[in-house]
Amino acid sequence: MEAYNIILLGLLLLFALATSFVDAKVHHHDFVVQATKVKRLCMAHNRITVNGMYPGPTLEVNNGDTLVVNVMNRGKYNVTIHWHGIRQLRSGWADGPEFVTQCPIRPGGSYTYRFTIQGQEGTLWWHAHSSWLRATVYGALIIHPQEGSPYPFTKPKREAPILLGEWWNANPIHVVREATRTGATPNVSDAYTINGQPGDLYNCSSQDTVVIPVDSGETNLLRIINAALNQELFFTVANHKLTVVGADASYTKPFTTSVIMLGPGQTTDVLITADQPPARYYIAARAYNSAQGAPFDNTTTTAILEYKSAPCPAKKGLSTPPIFPSLPAYNDTNTVTAFEASFRSRTKVEVPTDIDENLFFTVGLGLINCPKGVRARNCQGPNGTRFAASMNNESFVLPSNFSLLQAHQQGIPGVFTTDFPANPPLQFDYTGNVSRSLWQPIKGTKLYKLQYGSRVQLVLQGTSIFTAENHPIHLHGYDFYIIAQGFGNFNPKTDTSKFNLVDPPLRNTVGVPVKGWAVIRFIADNPGVWLMHCHLDVHLNWGLAMAFLVENGVGELQSLEPPPADLPVC
């Protein structure tokens, strides 16, 4: 078995300081750095770990706390850490995407992330934002209400984070590097995981399958995170209803469902009541695969919801297996559409109305023709091409000598331009049969500039270039309101009637439906450079990204903080 090149990654001296000195609390977390040999699917694999843990440590803080996290890299690969969903108000230097807000932490180096959590409650997560390191470098970030403040729902008896992951028997860095070399699609994963364990449906059943204990009659809170690298996932619990109460660290109007779907990067908080006969019930997750004909991992990961009063399981092979749930078909877009249409903010919200920036971005895949003389082994996409992806026909290229934020703050020329198009360079039938002459995007590093305080509406339009699929689009540094989603080509004359300007959900990652569109709104009140990208990492590698440059406003409180002294250099 091939061993990994190990990154020893430590998150040290993590503590949270309440904003009030009277009620100050300090949460100390000393994260010990070590490499861990993890047994998954019958084999022991060296894995990149934080504190020897896979997934990494769960961080629990309160709304208003400040985190100080020192990351030390003692390994071979560059690394950064992104605090997914944290607004990072004025603290863009701590956001984490490699070559966007910082240069990577080089082997042997370290960097201290400092940021304050303001006005967010619920479930977020942290993960590596360098290459495919986040395949195993990730963990939950739970934000509780301020001390003395209750949940807006009945307090659950217990809480449990559920992290859905994706496992490769090969080194994920080698997998993506091979795909980058050949221009073809990378190999799909070998398994999905729940809290690091694939569950007992795989060929090599593990006695370490995750078990979540419950007492009859109690109501618990499950904090579900899709940390998978490249796959949207259905999630369910056999014979139990799930009441959704939050998503992406924002409370929602409660609604009940038997199945949820999360794109990579999304979180969903659900209440579950133990109201079934005492027994053992499977918790299960498997792929939602919206791209017709595309390869995907069609396995199912499981954990077990176990009633404490259930009969004790007998020896392996003699016990009654847990009750298995009904899961949607892999391509069940109708279930996904109905689920996403159920989300509403818990209360009436103030949605930006007088729009300053009305943007329209196409998102999707493409193919780049190989120049003459390039070896065939480097052009293994369809018909001798290389896969690419783009927004508005621009395939995003990260710089390598400076971070975008550093180049902006220091006025370094030649790193990026600010001419990202506000609309597609050419209008066409985006979700129909697209001419092959439109399949080839342009590579570049273009940003779109926003004045501080701008009210932004953005239409994200899916395309059928090469293949159509659901794209989970994540915007760094901001939450946004999803005011509408639909299918076909967005029509401003008719589709504006579908806008929800009363109680739309507040999210940081939106699913752009397969052969469809989504409309989001936000106020550009956070200065800095903020990446927006598809959270299917294979698409990010192919260039399905762009970045907003939000200028400083007036005065210190509307301006980006100075860079920290230990900001990594390239």
Protein backbone atom coordinates (compact mmCIF):
# COMPACT_ATOMS: atom_id res chain seq x y z
CA MET A 1 0.00 0.00 0.00
CA GLU A 2 1.39 3.36 -0.99
CA ALA A 3 2.03 5.63 1.99
CA TYR A 4 1.01 9.26 2.05
CA ASN A 5 3.40 12.15 2.19
CA ILE A 6 2.41 13.37 5.62
CA ILE A 7 1.61 16.90 6.61
CA LEU A 8 1.77 17.30 10.35
CA LEU A 9 -0.74 20.04 10.86
CA GLY A 10 -1.39 21.58 14.24
CA LEU A 11 -4.01 24.01 15.35
CA LEU A 12 -2.56 25.34 18.57
CA LEU A 13 -3.60 27.69 21.32
CA LEU A 14 -7.19 27.90 20.27
CA PHE A 15 -9.24 29.98 22.64
CA ALA A 16 -12.38 32.05 22.56
CA LEU A 17 -12.67 35.38 24.34
CA ALA A 18 -16.12 36.75 25.06
CA THR A 19 -16.58 40.30 23.88
CA SER A 20 -17.64 41.38 27.36
CA PHE A 21 -14.82 41.41 29.91
CA VAL A 22 -17.37 40.98 32.72
CA ASP A 23 -18.52 37.60 31.34
CA ALA A 24 -15.22 36.71 29.70
CA LYS A 25 -14.67 33.04 29.03
CA VAL A 26 -11.49 31.51 27.69
CA HIS A 27 -11.77 28.22 25.81
CA HIS A 28 -8.31 26.63 25.73
CA HIS A 29 -7.64 23.92 23.16
CA ASP A 30 -4.09 22.62 22.88
CA PHE A 31 -3.97 20.68 19.64
CA VAL A 32 -1.17 18.12 19.63
CA VAL A 33 0.40 17.58 16.22
CA GLN A 34 0.90 13.99 15.10
CA ALA A 35 0.58 11.65 12.15
CA THR A 36 -1.98 8.88 12.46
CA LYS A 37 -2.29 5.53 10.75
CA VAL A 38 -6.01 5.13 10.12
CA LYS A 39 -7.64 1.81 9.24
CA ARG A 40 -10.35 2.16 6.61
CA LEU A 41 -11.66 -0.43 4.14
CA CYS A 42 -9.41 -3.24 5.43
CA MET A 43 -6.15 -1.35 5.05
CA ALA A 44 -4.18 1.00 7.26
CA HIS A 45 -3.38 4.30 5.55
CA ASN A 46 -1.15 7.15 6.66
CA ARG A 47 -3.35 10.22 6.76
CA ILE A 48 -2.96 13.94 7.11
CA THR A 49 -4.35 14.66 10.56
CA VAL A 50 -4.97 17.39 13.10
CA ASN A 51 -4.25 16.12 16.62
CA GLY A 52 -4.18 12.60 15.22
CA MET A 53 -7.90 12.88 14.57
CA TYR A 54 -9.97 12.19 11.46
CA PRO A 55 -12.14 14.20 11.24
CA GLY A 56 -10.29 16.90 13.13
CA PRO A 57 -11.32 18.40 16.46
CA THR A 58 -14.76 19.91 16.88
CA LEU A 59 -14.50 23.54 17.99
CA GLU A 60 -17.33 24.86 20.17
CA VAL A 61 -17.66 28.59 20.80
CA ASN A 62 -20.34 31.20 21.44
CA ASN A 63 -21.68 33.96 19.25
CA GLY A 64 -19.40 36.95 19.91
CA ASP A 65 -16.28 34.94 20.76
CA THR A 66 -12.87 35.47 19.21
CA LEU A 67 -10.75 32.60 17.91
CA VAL A 68 -6.97 32.59 17.80
CA VAL A 69 -5.64 29.53 16.01
CA ASN A 70 -1.97 28.90 15.32
CA VAL A 71 -1.42 26.47 12.45
CA MET A 72 1.99 24.82 12.14
CA ASN A 73 2.93 22.93 8.99
CA ARG A 74 5.65 20.35 9.50
CA GLY A 75 5.02 18.38 6.36
CA LYS A 76 5.76 18.28 2.66
CA TYR A 77 2.75 20.09 1.19
CA ASN A 78 1.67 23.72 1.41
CA VAL A 79 -1.46 24.22 3.52
CA THR A 80 -4.03 26.83 4.54
CA ILE A 81 -7.16 26.59 6.71
CA HIS A 82 -10.51 28.12 5.73
CA TRP A 83 -13.19 28.81 8.32
CA HIS A 84 -16.12 27.97 6.10
CA GLY A 85 -19.06 30.34 6.54
CA ILE A 86 -17.42 32.72 9.02
CA ARG A 87 -18.14 36.27 7.85
CA GLN A 88 -14.57 37.44 8.64
CA LEU A 89 -15.74 41.05 9.06
CA ARG A 90 -12.68 43.21 8.30
CA SER A 91 -10.48 40.15 9.01
CA GLY A 92 -10.06 38.89 5.45
CA TRP A 93 -6.46 37.90 6.16
CA ALA A 94 -7.86 35.03 8.23
CA ASP A 95 -10.22 33.62 5.58
CA GLY A 96 -7.73 31.04 4.35
CA PRO A 97 -8.07 30.21 0.62
CA GLU A 98 -4.63 29.66 -0.85
CA PHE A 99 -3.32 32.55 -3.03
CA VAL A 100 -6.57 34.47 -2.48
CA THR A 101 -6.32 35.93 1.04
CA GLN A 102 -2.91 34.55 1.91
CA CYS A 103 0.09 32.75 0.54
CA PRO A 104 0.21 29.14 1.72
CA ILE A 105 1.89 28.05 4.92
CA ARG A 106 5.05 26.43 3.64
CA PRO A 107 6.49 23.26 5.15
CA GLY A 108 8.07 24.20 8.46
CA GLY A 109 6.11 27.44 8.66
CA SER A 110 3.20 28.63 10.79
CA TYR A 111 0.46 31.23 10.72
CA THR A 112 -1.97 32.46 13.37
CA TYR A 113 -5.60 32.99 12.34
CA ARG A 114 -7.44 35.62 14.41
CA PHE A 115 -11.11 36.46 13.92
CA THR A 116 -14.28 37.31 15.82
CA ILE A 117 -17.63 35.60 15.26
CA GLN A 118 -20.34 38.24 14.97
CA GLY A 119 -24.07 37.52 14.72
CA GLN A 120 -23.80 33.90 13.65
CA GLU A 121 -25.25 30.86 15.46
CA GLY A 122 -25.46 27.24 14.42
CA THR A 123 -23.17 24.87 12.56
CA LEU A 124 -20.19 25.74 10.39
CA TRP A 125 -16.92 23.93 9.77
CA TRP A 126 -13.24 24.40 9.02
CA HIS A 127 -11.17 22.72 6.32
CA ALA A 128 -7.93 22.89 4.37
CA HIS A 129 -8.12 25.16 1.32
CA SER A 130 -5.04 23.92 -0.55
CA SER A 131 -5.27 21.38 -3.36
CA TRP A 132 -7.22 18.33 -2.14
CA LEU A 133 -5.93 18.34 1.44
CA ARG A 134 -9.44 18.88 2.75
CA ALA A 135 -10.19 15.24 1.91
CA THR A 136 -9.11 14.52 5.48
CA VAL A 137 -8.27 17.91 7.02
CA TYR A 138 -11.62 19.20 8.27
CA GLY A 139 -13.72 19.49 11.40
CA ALA A 140 -16.90 20.98 12.85
CA LEU A 141 -17.18 24.55 14.12
CA ILE A 142 -20.24 24.89 16.38
CA ILE A 143 -21.44 28.35 17.38
CA HIS A 144 -23.74 28.36 20.39
CA PRO A 145 -25.89 31.34 21.39
CA GLN A 146 -24.35 33.89 23.73
CA GLU A 147 -24.31 32.89 27.38
CA GLY A 148 -27.85 33.06 28.73
CA SER A 149 -29.51 33.18 25.31
CA PRO A 150 -31.71 30.18 24.37
CA TYR A 151 -32.19 28.38 21.09
CA PRO A 152 -35.32 29.56 19.21
CA PHE A 153 -36.64 26.00 19.61
CA THR A 154 -37.01 23.55 22.48
CA LYS A 155 -33.60 22.79 23.89
CA PRO A 156 -32.52 19.32 22.72
CA LYS A 157 -31.51 16.65 25.21
CA ARG A 158 -28.29 15.94 23.30
CA GLU A 159 -26.39 17.31 20.32
CA ALA A 160 -24.23 15.41 17.84
CA PRO A 161 -22.15 16.62 14.89
CA ILE A 162 -22.50 14.43 11.80
CA LEU A 163 -19.68 15.00 9.32
CA LEU A 164 -20.17 13.39 5.92
CA GLY A 165 -16.85 12.77 4.19
CA GLU A 166 -15.29 11.13 1.17
CA TRP A 167 -12.49 8.55 1.28
CA TRP A 168 -9.86 7.55 -1.26
CA ASN A 169 -7.61 4.53 -0.81
CA ALA A 170 -5.06 6.42 -2.92
CA ASN A 171 -3.41 9.66 -1.85
CA PRO A 172 -5.93 12.39 -2.83
CA ILE A 173 -3.05 14.72 -3.74
CA HIS A 174 -1.80 12.13 -6.23
CA VAL A 175 -5.34 11.69 -7.58
CA VAL A 176 -5.78 15.38 -8.37
CA ARG A 177 -2.23 15.78 -9.68
CA GLU A 178 -2.74 12.88 -12.08
CA ALA A 179 -5.98 14.45 -13.33
CA THR A 180 -4.24 17.79 -13.74
CA ARG A 181 -1.48 16.14 -15.75
CA THR A 182 -3.82 14.22 -18.06
CA GLY A 183 -6.60 16.78 -18.35
CA ALA A 184 -9.15 14.04 -17.64
CA THR A 185 -11.57 13.58 -14.76
CA PRO A 186 -10.03 12.37 -11.47
CA ASN A 187 -10.82 8.96 -10.05
CA VAL A 188 -13.94 8.89 -7.90
CA SER A 189 -13.73 8.11 -4.21
CA ASP A 190 -13.77 4.57 -2.78
CA ALA A 191 -16.21 5.30 0.05
CA TYR A 192 -18.19 7.91 1.91
CA THR A 193 -17.84 8.32 5.65
CA ILE A 194 -19.83 9.45 8.66
CA ASN A 195 -17.56 10.96 11.30
CA GLY A 196 -14.62 9.28 9.62
CA GLN A 197 -16.11 5.77 9.40
CA PRO A 198 -17.53 4.22 6.21
CA GLY A 199 -19.97 1.96 8.07
CA ASP A 200 -20.69 -1.74 7.80
CA LEU A 201 -22.15 -1.91 4.28
CA TYR A 202 -18.70 -1.93 2.70
CA ASN A 203 -16.79 -5.13 1.96
CA CYS A 204 -14.72 -4.65 5.07
CA SER A 205 -17.25 -4.02 7.82
CA SER A 206 -15.79 -2.10 10.73
CA GLN A 207 -16.58 -2.62 14.38
CA ASP A 208 -15.97 1.13 14.68
CA THR A 209 -19.15 2.09 12.80
CA VAL A 210 -20.43 5.27 14.44
CA VAL A 211 -23.22 4.68 16.97
CA ILE A 212 -25.40 7.54 18.24
CA PRO A 213 -27.26 6.56 21.43
CA VAL A 214 -30.74 7.89 22.21
CA ASP A 215 -33.35 7.42 24.93
CA SER A 216 -36.96 6.80 23.99
CA GLY A 217 -38.97 9.99 23.85
CA GLU A 218 -36.08 12.44 23.81
CA THR A 219 -35.45 15.04 21.10
CA ASN A 220 -31.87 15.52 19.92
CA LEU A 221 -30.11 17.95 17.61
CA LEU A 222 -28.04 16.58 14.73
CA ARG A 223 -25.58 19.05 13.18
CA ILE A 224 -25.00 17.66 9.69
CA ILE A 225 -22.06 18.83 7.57
CA ASN A 226 -21.27 17.76 4.03
CA ALA A 227 -17.46 17.75 4.05
CA ALA A 228 -17.23 15.51 0.97
CA LEU A 229 -14.79 16.73 -1.64
CA ASN A 230 -16.81 16.23 -4.81
CA GLN A 231 -20.25 14.83 -4.07
CA GLU A 232 -23.65 16.15 -3.07
CA LEU A 233 -25.28 13.72 -0.66
CA PHE A 234 -28.72 12.57 0.44
CA PHE A 235 -29.04 11.94 4.19
CA THR A 236 -31.74 10.13 6.15
CA VAL A 237 -32.46 8.13 9.31
CA ALA A 238 -34.57 5.00 8.99
CA ASN A 239 -38.21 5.42 10.15
CA HIS A 240 -37.54 8.86 11.69
CA LYS A 241 -38.61 12.34 10.67
CA LEU A 242 -36.11 15.18 10.60
CA THR A 243 -37.20 18.71 11.55
CA VAL A 244 -34.92 21.27 9.92
CA VAL A 245 -34.25 24.26 12.23
CA GLY A 246 -31.07 25.78 10.81
CA ALA A 247 -28.64 25.84 7.91
CA ASP A 248 -25.24 27.45 7.38
CA ALA A 249 -25.31 29.02 10.89
CA SER A 250 -28.69 30.67 10.36
CA TYR A 251 -32.02 29.66 11.90
CA THR A 252 -34.85 28.60 9.61
CA LYS A 253 -38.60 28.21 9.90
CA PRO A 254 -38.91 24.60 11.10
CA PHE A 255 -40.11 22.07 8.55
CA THR A 256 -40.22 18.30 8.65
CA THR A 257 -38.83 15.91 6.06
CA SER A 258 -37.70 12.30 5.79
CA VAL A 259 -34.59 13.09 3.72
CA ILE A 260 -32.28 16.05 3.28
CA MET A 261 -29.68 16.87 0.62
CA LEU A 262 -26.49 18.80 1.23
CA GLY A 263 -24.00 20.05 -1.31
CA PRO A 264 -20.34 20.04 -0.26
CA GLY A 265 -19.88 22.95 2.13
CA GLN A 266 -23.48 23.11 3.31
CA THR A 267 -24.63 22.41 6.87
CA THR A 268 -28.11 21.56 8.14
CA ASP A 269 -29.32 21.39 11.74
CA VAL A 270 -32.18 18.97 12.38
CA LEU A 271 -34.17 17.89 15.42
CA ILE A 272 -34.93 14.17 15.67
CA THR A 273 -37.30 12.64 18.22
CA ALA A 274 -36.78 9.07 19.38
CA ASP A 275 -40.42 8.09 18.90
CA GLN A 276 -40.01 4.66 17.30
CA PRO A 277 -39.95 1.19 18.89
CA PRO A 278 -36.62 0.66 20.68
CA ALA A 279 -34.24 -0.82 18.13
CA ARG A 280 -31.22 0.03 16.00
CA TYR A 281 -31.81 2.22 12.94
CA TYR A 282 -29.40 3.03 10.14
CA ILE A 283 -28.33 6.60 9.52
CA ALA A 284 -27.36 6.64 5.85
CA ALA A 285 -25.94 8.94 3.16
CA ARG A 286 -25.32 8.38 -0.53
CA ALA A 287 -24.83 10.39 -3.70
CA TYR A 288 -27.14 12.80 -5.38
CA ASN A 289 -25.67 12.67 -8.89
CA SER A 290 -27.32 15.22 -11.16
CA ALA A 291 -24.84 15.00 -14.06
CA GLN A 292 -26.17 12.49 -16.58
CA GLY A 293 -23.59 9.83 -17.45
CA ALA A 294 -20.88 11.25 -15.17
CA PRO A 295 -18.93 8.71 -13.05
CA PHE A 296 -19.58 8.83 -9.31
CA ASP A 297 -19.14 6.79 -6.16
CA ASN A 298 -22.45 4.91 -5.80
CA THR A 299 -21.73 3.41 -2.38
CA THR A 300 -23.65 4.15 0.83
CA THR A 301 -22.17 5.14 4.18
CA THR A 302 -23.95 4.32 7.42
CA ALA A 303 -23.97 4.99 11.13
CA ILE A 304 -26.43 3.61 13.69
CA LEU A 305 -29.06 5.36 15.79
CA GLU A 306 -29.34 3.05 18.79
CA TYR A 307 -32.07 3.20 21.40
CA LYS A 308 -30.57 2.52 24.82
CA SER A 309 -33.49 0.25 25.64
CA ALA A 310 -33.05 -1.77 22.45
CA PRO A 311 -32.08 -5.42 22.87
CA CYS A 312 -28.31 -5.78 23.05
CA PRO A 313 -26.84 -6.87 19.71
CA ALA A 314 -25.67 -10.45 19.75
CA LYS A 315 -22.34 -11.59 18.43
CA LYS A 316 -21.55 -10.50 14.90
CA GLY A 317 -23.47 -12.57 12.39
CA LEU A 318 -26.18 -13.54 14.86
CA SER A 319 -27.77 -10.16 15.62
CA THR A 320 -30.69 -8.59 13.82
CA PRO A 321 -29.30 -5.97 11.42
CA PRO A 322 -30.32 -2.33 11.93
CA ILE A 323 -33.42 -1.17 10.10
CA PHE A 324 -32.47 0.26 6.71
CA PRO A 325 -34.00 3.50 5.38
CA SER A 326 -35.47 4.31 2.02
CA LEU A 327 -33.18 6.60 0.03
CA PRO A 328 -33.99 8.61 -3.11
CA ALA A 329 -32.67 7.53 -6.48
CA TYR A 330 -29.22 8.89 -7.28
CA ASN A 331 -30.66 11.35 -9.82
CA ASP A 332 -33.82 12.33 -7.90
CA THR A 333 -33.84 16.05 -8.68
CA ASN A 334 -37.54 16.33 -7.77
CA THR A 335 -36.78 15.45 -4.14
CA VAL A 336 -33.91 17.94 -4.08
CA THR A 337 -36.09 20.70 -5.54
CA ALA A 338 -38.90 20.12 -3.03
CA PHE A 339 -36.43 20.06 -0.14
CA GLU A 340 -34.67 23.29 -1.11
CA ALA A 341 -38.00 25.05 -1.74
CA SER A 342 -38.93 24.42 1.91
CA PHE A 343 -36.28 26.74 3.35
CA ARG A 344 -37.40 30.05 4.83
CA SER A 345 -35.75 32.42 7.27
CA ARG A 346 -37.23 32.06 10.73
CA THR A 347 -38.51 35.64 10.77
CA LYS A 348 -39.19 38.37 8.23
CA VAL A 349 -35.90 39.78 6.96
CA GLU A 350 -34.68 42.94 5.26
CA VAL A 351 -33.72 41.89 1.76
CA PRO A 352 -31.81 44.47 -0.32
CA THR A 353 -34.29 45.97 -2.77
CA ASP A 354 -32.83 49.00 -4.58
CA ILE A 355 -30.12 47.13 -6.48
CA ASP A 356 -26.80 48.83 -7.32
CA GLU A 357 -25.15 45.87 -9.07
CA ASN A 358 -27.29 43.57 -11.19
CA LEU A 359 -25.02 40.69 -12.19
CA PHE A 360 -25.57 37.59 -14.32
CA PHE A 361 -22.97 34.79 -14.16
CA THR A 362 -23.12 31.56 -16.16
CA VAL A 363 -21.56 28.55 -14.43
CA GLY A 364 -20.57 25.23 -15.93
CA LEU A 365 -18.02 22.96 -17.50
CA GLY A 366 -16.09 23.27 -20.73
CA LEU A 367 -13.29 21.72 -22.73
CA ILE A 368 -10.01 23.29 -23.80
CA ASN A 369 -8.47 22.24 -27.08
CA CYS A 370 -4.90 21.06 -26.75
CA PRO A 371 -2.30 23.04 -28.74
CA LYS A 372 -0.41 21.30 -31.49
CA GLY A 373 2.58 19.37 -30.26
CA VAL A 374 1.12 18.57 -26.83
CA ARG A 375 1.38 14.87 -26.05
CA ALA A 376 -1.80 12.84 -26.17
CA ARG A 377 -1.23 11.61 -22.61
CA ASN A 378 -1.75 15.22 -21.45
CA CYS A 379 -5.02 15.60 -23.37
CA GLN A 380 -7.19 12.75 -22.17
CA GLY A 381 -10.45 14.65 -22.04
CA PRO A 382 -13.14 13.93 -24.67
CA ASN A 383 -11.76 13.93 -28.22
CA GLY A 384 -8.25 14.86 -27.15
CA THR A 385 -9.17 17.89 -25.02
CA ARG A 386 -8.65 18.93 -21.41
CA PHE A 387 -11.50 19.54 -18.97
CA ALA A 388 -12.11 23.10 -17.83
CA ALA A 389 -14.84 25.05 -16.03
CA SER A 390 -15.79 28.69 -15.94
CA MET A 391 -18.03 31.56 -14.91
CA ASN A 392 -19.06 33.87 -17.76
CA ASN A 393 -16.60 31.96 -19.94
CA GLU A 394 -13.69 32.95 -17.65
CA SER A 395 -11.76 30.00 -16.25
CA PHE A 396 -10.17 31.24 -13.02
CA VAL A 397 -6.42 30.91 -12.52
CA LEU A 398 -4.89 31.46 -9.08
CA PRO A 399 -1.70 33.52 -8.91
CA SER A 400 1.47 31.92 -7.57
CA ASN A 401 3.74 34.78 -6.49
CA PHE A 402 1.34 36.83 -4.36
CA SER A 403 -2.09 36.40 -2.85
CA LEU A 404 -4.85 38.45 -4.45
CA LEU A 405 -5.52 40.30 -1.20
CA GLN A 406 -1.85 41.07 -0.73
CA ALA A 407 -1.56 42.34 -4.31
CA HIS A 408 -4.64 44.53 -3.80
CA GLN A 409 -3.52 45.89 -0.43
CA GLN A 410 0.02 46.66 -1.61
CA GLY A 411 -0.91 47.82 -5.09
CA ILE A 412 1.18 45.15 -6.81
CA PRO A 413 0.54 45.28 -10.58
CA GLY A 414 0.20 42.35 -12.96
CA VAL A 415 -1.34 39.89 -10.48
CA PHE A 416 -4.99 40.36 -11.46
CA THR A 417 -7.32 42.62 -13.40
CA THR A 418 -10.73 43.97 -12.38
CA ASP A 419 -12.55 43.40 -15.66
CA PHE A 420 -14.51 40.25 -14.82
CA PRO A 421 -17.65 40.57 -16.97
CA ALA A 422 -20.92 41.48 -15.26
CA ASN A 423 -22.79 39.46 -17.90
CA PRO A 424 -21.95 36.59 -20.27
CA PRO A 425 -19.92 37.80 -23.25
CA LEU A 426 -22.46 36.04 -25.48
CA GLN A 427 -26.10 35.21 -24.92
CA PHE A 428 -27.30 31.76 -25.99
CA ASP A 429 -29.66 28.97 -24.94
CA TYR A 430 -27.69 28.19 -21.76
CA THR A 431 -29.55 25.00 -20.84
CA GLY A 432 -30.23 23.74 -24.35
CA ASN A 433 -27.97 22.12 -26.93
CA VAL A 434 -24.94 24.38 -26.77
CA SER A 435 -22.79 24.74 -29.89
CA ARG A 436 -19.33 23.23 -29.49
CA SER A 437 -17.91 26.58 -30.58
CA LEU A 438 -18.92 27.86 -27.11
CA TRP A 439 -17.33 25.05 -25.13
CA GLN A 440 -13.85 26.59 -24.75
CA PRO A 441 -13.40 29.15 -21.93
CA ILE A 442 -10.65 31.74 -21.51
CA LYS A 443 -8.13 31.35 -18.71
CA GLY A 444 -7.32 34.37 -16.58
CA THR A 445 -7.35 36.03 -13.15
CA LYS A 446 -10.15 38.57 -13.28
CA LEU A 447 -11.91 40.12 -10.29
CA TYR A 448 -15.14 42.10 -10.11
CA LYS A 449 -14.90 45.34 -8.11
CA LEU A 450 -17.70 46.35 -5.73
CA GLN A 451 -17.99 49.62 -3.83
CA TYR A 452 -18.49 49.29 -0.11
CA GLY A 453 -22.19 49.09 0.70
CA SER A 454 -23.30 48.11 -2.80
CA ARG A 455 -26.57 46.19 -2.94
CA VAL A 456 -25.93 43.21 -5.18
CA GLN A 457 -28.24 40.89 -7.05
CA LEU A 458 -26.55 37.95 -8.74
CA VAL A 459 -28.21 35.48 -11.09
CA LEU A 460 -26.26 32.21 -11.23
CA GLN A 461 -27.22 30.46 -14.46
CA GLY A 462 -26.32 26.82 -14.99
CA THR A 463 -25.29 25.71 -18.47
CA SER A 464 -25.41 22.52 -20.51
CA ILE A 465 -21.88 22.94 -21.87
CA PHE A 466 -20.51 19.37 -22.03
CA THR A 467 -22.88 18.30 -19.23
CA ALA A 468 -25.33 19.98 -16.88
CA GLU A 469 -25.32 19.37 -13.15
CA ASN A 470 -26.18 20.92 -9.81
CA HIS A 471 -23.35 23.25 -8.71
CA PRO A 472 -22.98 24.17 -4.99
CA ILE A 473 -21.64 27.74 -5.21
CA HIS A 474 -19.94 29.11 -2.08
CA LEU A 475 -19.21 32.80 -1.46
CA HIS A 476 -16.46 33.59 1.04
CA GLY A 477 -16.87 36.47 3.50
CA TYR A 478 -20.64 36.77 3.10
CA ASP A 479 -24.00 35.26 3.80
CA PHE A 480 -26.63 35.91 1.14
CA TYR A 481 -30.35 35.54 0.65
CA ILE A 482 -31.51 32.93 -1.87
CA ILE A 483 -34.55 34.73 -3.26
CA ALA A 484 -35.40 32.26 -6.05
CA GLN A 485 -34.38 29.08 -7.87
CA GLY A 486 -35.76 27.58 -11.05
CA PHE A 487 -35.14 25.57 -14.19
CA GLY A 488 -34.32 26.55 -17.74
CA ASN A 489 -32.93 29.95 -18.71
CA PHE A 490 -33.59 32.75 -16.23
CA ASN A 491 -36.12 35.20 -17.67
CA PRO A 492 -36.20 38.56 -15.83
CA LYS A 493 -39.61 39.37 -17.31
CA THR A 494 -41.34 36.33 -15.83
CA ASP A 495 -39.11 34.82 -13.15
CA THR A 496 -39.00 37.92 -10.93
CA SER A 497 -42.55 37.01 -9.90
CA LYS A 498 -41.00 34.03 -8.08
CA PHE A 499 -38.77 36.21 -5.88
CA ASN A 500 -39.21 35.78 -2.13
CA LEU A 501 -38.36 39.17 -0.60
CA VAL A 502 -40.08 38.46 2.73
CA ASP A 503 -38.38 35.48 4.37
CA PRO A 504 -35.81 33.92 1.99
CA PRO A 505 -33.18 31.65 3.57
CA LEU A 506 -29.79 33.08 4.51
CA ARG A 507 -26.97 30.80 3.29
CA ASN A 508 -23.29 30.83 2.34
CA THR A 509 -23.56 28.04 -0.26
CA VAL A 510 -26.34 27.78 -2.86
CA GLY A 511 -27.18 24.89 -5.15
CA VAL A 512 -27.59 26.05 -8.74
CA PRO A 513 -30.08 23.46 -10.05
CA VAL A 514 -29.15 21.15 -12.90
CA LYS A 515 -30.20 22.99 -16.09
CA GLY A 516 -31.46 25.81 -13.92
CA TRP A 517 -30.65 29.02 -12.06
CA ALA A 518 -30.53 30.65 -8.64
CA VAL A 519 -30.78 34.31 -7.63
CA ILE A 520 -29.02 35.66 -4.54
CA ARG A 521 -28.78 39.10 -2.93
CA PHE A 522 -26.32 40.57 -0.44
CA ILE A 523 -24.86 43.91 0.67
CA ALA A 524 -21.14 44.35 0.04
CA ASP A 525 -20.35 45.48 3.60
CA ASN A 526 -17.14 43.50 4.14
CA PRO A 527 -13.99 44.91 2.47
CA GLY A 528 -11.44 42.54 1.00
CA VAL A 529 -11.03 39.96 -1.75
CA TRP A 530 -13.62 37.20 -1.56
CA LEU A 531 -13.53 34.00 -3.58
CA MET A 532 -16.75 32.62 -5.04
CA HIS A 533 -16.47 29.08 -6.39
CA CYS A 534 -18.10 25.74 -6.93
CA HIS A 535 -17.52 23.59 -3.84
CA LEU A 536 -17.08 20.47 -5.94
CA ASP A 537 -13.30 20.65 -5.71
CA VAL A 538 -12.81 19.01 -9.10
CA HIS A 539 -14.63 22.00 -10.62
CA LEU A 540 -12.59 24.48 -8.58
CA ASN A 541 -9.42 22.88 -9.92
CA TRP A 542 -10.80 23.33 -13.44
CA GLY A 543 -11.46 27.04 -12.87
CA LEU A 544 -15.13 27.33 -11.80
CA ALA A 545 -14.46 30.39 -9.65
CA MET A 546 -14.11 34.16 -9.56
CA ALA A 547 -13.47 36.73 -6.84
CA PHE A 548 -15.07 39.98 -5.71
CA LEU A 549 -12.86 42.90 -4.71
CA VAL A 550 -14.85 44.92 -2.17
CA GLU A 551 -13.30 48.32 -1.57
CA ASN A 552 -12.94 49.99 1.81
CA GLY A 553 -15.72 52.27 2.94
CA VAL A 554 -15.36 55.37 5.10
CA GLY A 555 -13.36 55.19 8.29
CA GLU A 556 -11.72 52.40 10.24
CA LEU A 557 -14.87 50.35 10.88
CA GLN A 558 -15.50 50.05 7.13
CA SER A 559 -11.90 49.20 6.24
CA LEU A 560 -9.87 46.02 6.06
CA GLU A 561 -7.61 45.50 9.07
CA PRO A 562 -3.84 45.69 8.44
CA PRO A 563 -2.19 42.37 7.58
CA PRO A 564 -0.77 40.44 10.54
CA ALA A 565 2.98 40.38 11.03
CA ASP A 566 3.23 36.63 10.48
CA LEU A 567 1.31 36.58 7.19
CA PRO A 568 3.00 33.89 5.07
CA VAL A 569 5.11 35.02 2.14
CA CYS A 570 5.12 33.27 -1.20
